[in-house]
Amino acid sequence: MNNHQEHSDELKKLLEGGFQSIDEDIDESTPSLQWFEQLVEDQQVELKARFKRDLTIFLLLACCILTVFSLTLFQMPILFLLLQVAIFVGASIFTGITYTKKVNRT
């Protein structure tokens, strides 16, 4: 019984020493408020830049699509109708494939 107690005490000392060395290695200091404010400001600047870029791309694509739409509708009505049919068929196929994949996953 006494031997078991000594072994338990020795194990306890080893564990405490190991935990103490781990605690010394870990930096518990929290960053300053200025660091967090700078991080938030940097993230906001990045989000604004990304938003401007995405909005510019969207507007350019919208203008291109409307131009093609207008040209095909007024200059070549047959091409417009063929384009509409092709887009409808493509969207139907895409929706069917997506639905099938979703059903197979569940």
Protein backbone atom coordinates (compact mmCIF):
# COMPACT_ATOMS: atom_id res chain seq x y z
CA MET A 1 0.00 0.00 0.00
CA ASN A 2 2.82 2.37 0.92
CA ASN A 3 4.62 1.51 -2.35
CA HIS A 4 1.45 2.35 -4.27
CA GLN A 5 1.23 5.73 -2.49
CA GLU A 6 4.88 6.52 -3.32
CA HIS A 7 4.31 5.58 -6.96
CA SER A 8 1.20 7.79 -7.06
CA ASP A 9 3.10 10.73 -5.52
CA GLU A 10 5.96 10.29 -8.00
CA LEU A 11 3.53 10.19 -10.91
CA LYS A 12 1.79 13.29 -9.58
CA LYS A 13 5.11 15.19 -9.41
CA LEU A 14 5.99 14.15 -12.96
CA LEU A 15 2.63 15.31 -14.26
CA GLU A 16 2.85 18.63 -12.41
CA GLY A 17 6.33 19.22 -13.85
CA GLY A 18 5.13 18.43 -17.35
CA PHE A 19 2.10 20.68 -17.04
CA GLN A 20 4.24 23.48 -15.62
CA SER A 21 6.58 23.34 -18.62
CA ILE A 22 3.58 23.43 -20.95
CA ASP A 23 2.10 26.41 -19.08
CA GLU A 24 5.41 28.28 -19.38
CA ASP A 25 5.49 27.73 -23.15
CA ILE A 26 1.98 29.08 -23.73
CA ASP A 27 1.67 32.85 -24.16
CA GLU A 28 -1.49 33.92 -22.35
CA SER A 29 -1.33 37.61 -23.21
CA THR A 30 -4.22 38.96 -25.24
CA PRO A 31 -3.59 41.40 -28.06
CA SER A 32 -4.24 45.07 -27.43
CA LEU A 33 -7.44 46.85 -28.34
CA GLN A 34 -5.60 48.72 -31.09
CA TRP A 35 -4.63 45.41 -32.70
CA PHE A 36 -8.28 44.32 -32.82
CA GLU A 37 -9.37 47.72 -34.15
CA GLN A 38 -6.70 47.55 -36.86
CA LEU A 39 -7.77 44.01 -37.76
CA VAL A 40 -11.41 45.09 -38.11
CA GLU A 41 -10.41 48.13 -40.17
CA ASP A 42 -8.27 46.00 -42.49
CA GLN A 43 -11.12 43.53 -42.96
CA GLN A 44 -13.56 46.34 -43.74
CA VAL A 45 -11.19 47.84 -46.31
CA GLU A 46 -10.76 44.43 -47.92
CA LEU A 47 -14.53 43.84 -47.99
CA LYS A 48 -15.17 47.25 -49.55
CA ALA A 49 -12.55 46.62 -52.23
CA ARG A 50 -14.01 43.18 -52.97
CA PHE A 51 -17.53 44.65 -53.13
CA LYS A 52 -16.42 47.35 -55.59
CA ARG A 53 -14.67 44.76 -57.75
CA ASP A 54 -17.68 42.42 -57.74
CA LEU A 55 -20.08 45.28 -58.48
CA THR A 56 -17.93 46.44 -61.40
CA ILE A 57 -17.77 42.91 -62.83
CA PHE A 58 -21.53 42.52 -62.40
CA LEU A 59 -22.29 45.80 -64.15
CA LEU A 60 -19.94 45.01 -67.05
CA LEU A 61 -21.46 41.57 -67.51
CA ALA A 62 -24.98 42.99 -67.28
CA CYS A 63 -24.18 45.57 -69.95
CA CYS A 64 -22.69 42.90 -72.21
CA ILE A 65 -25.67 40.59 -71.75
CA LEU A 66 -28.16 43.39 -72.40
CA THR A 67 -26.25 44.45 -75.50
CA VAL A 68 -26.25 40.91 -76.90
CA PHE A 69 -29.92 40.55 -75.96
CA SER A 70 -30.85 43.80 -77.71
CA LEU A 71 -28.85 43.00 -80.82
CA THR A 72 -30.26 39.51 -81.20
CA LEU A 73 -33.81 40.60 -80.43
CA PHE A 74 -33.93 43.49 -82.87
CA GLN A 75 -31.39 42.48 -85.54
CA MET A 76 -31.76 38.68 -85.65
CA PRO A 77 -35.02 37.46 -84.07
CA ILE A 78 -34.40 33.85 -85.18
CA LEU A 79 -31.04 33.81 -83.36
CA PHE A 80 -32.77 35.27 -80.30
CA LEU A 81 -35.34 32.47 -80.27
CA LEU A 82 -32.65 29.82 -80.74
CA LEU A 83 -30.66 31.37 -77.91
CA GLN A 84 -33.71 31.31 -75.64
CA VAL A 85 -34.37 27.64 -76.42
CA ALA A 86 -30.71 26.74 -75.83
CA ILE A 87 -30.66 28.56 -72.49
CA PHE A 88 -33.91 26.88 -71.40
CA VAL A 89 -32.59 23.42 -72.32
CA GLY A 90 -29.27 24.10 -70.60
CA ALA A 91 -30.97 25.35 -67.44
CA SER A 92 -33.26 22.29 -67.42
CA ILE A 93 -30.33 19.91 -67.76
CA PHE A 94 -28.37 21.73 -65.04
CA THR A 95 -31.36 21.66 -62.69
CA GLY A 96 -31.92 17.95 -63.36
CA ILE A 97 -28.28 17.06 -62.71
CA THR A 98 -28.18 19.14 -59.53
CA TYR A 99 -31.42 17.60 -58.26
CA THR A 100 -30.19 14.07 -59.04
CA LYS A 101 -26.93 14.66 -57.16
CA LYS A 102 -28.84 16.07 -54.19
CA VAL A 103 -31.21 13.08 -54.10
CA ASN A 104 -28.33 10.60 -54.36
CA ARG A 105 -26.52 12.24 -51.42
CA THR A 106 -29.45 11.75 -49.05
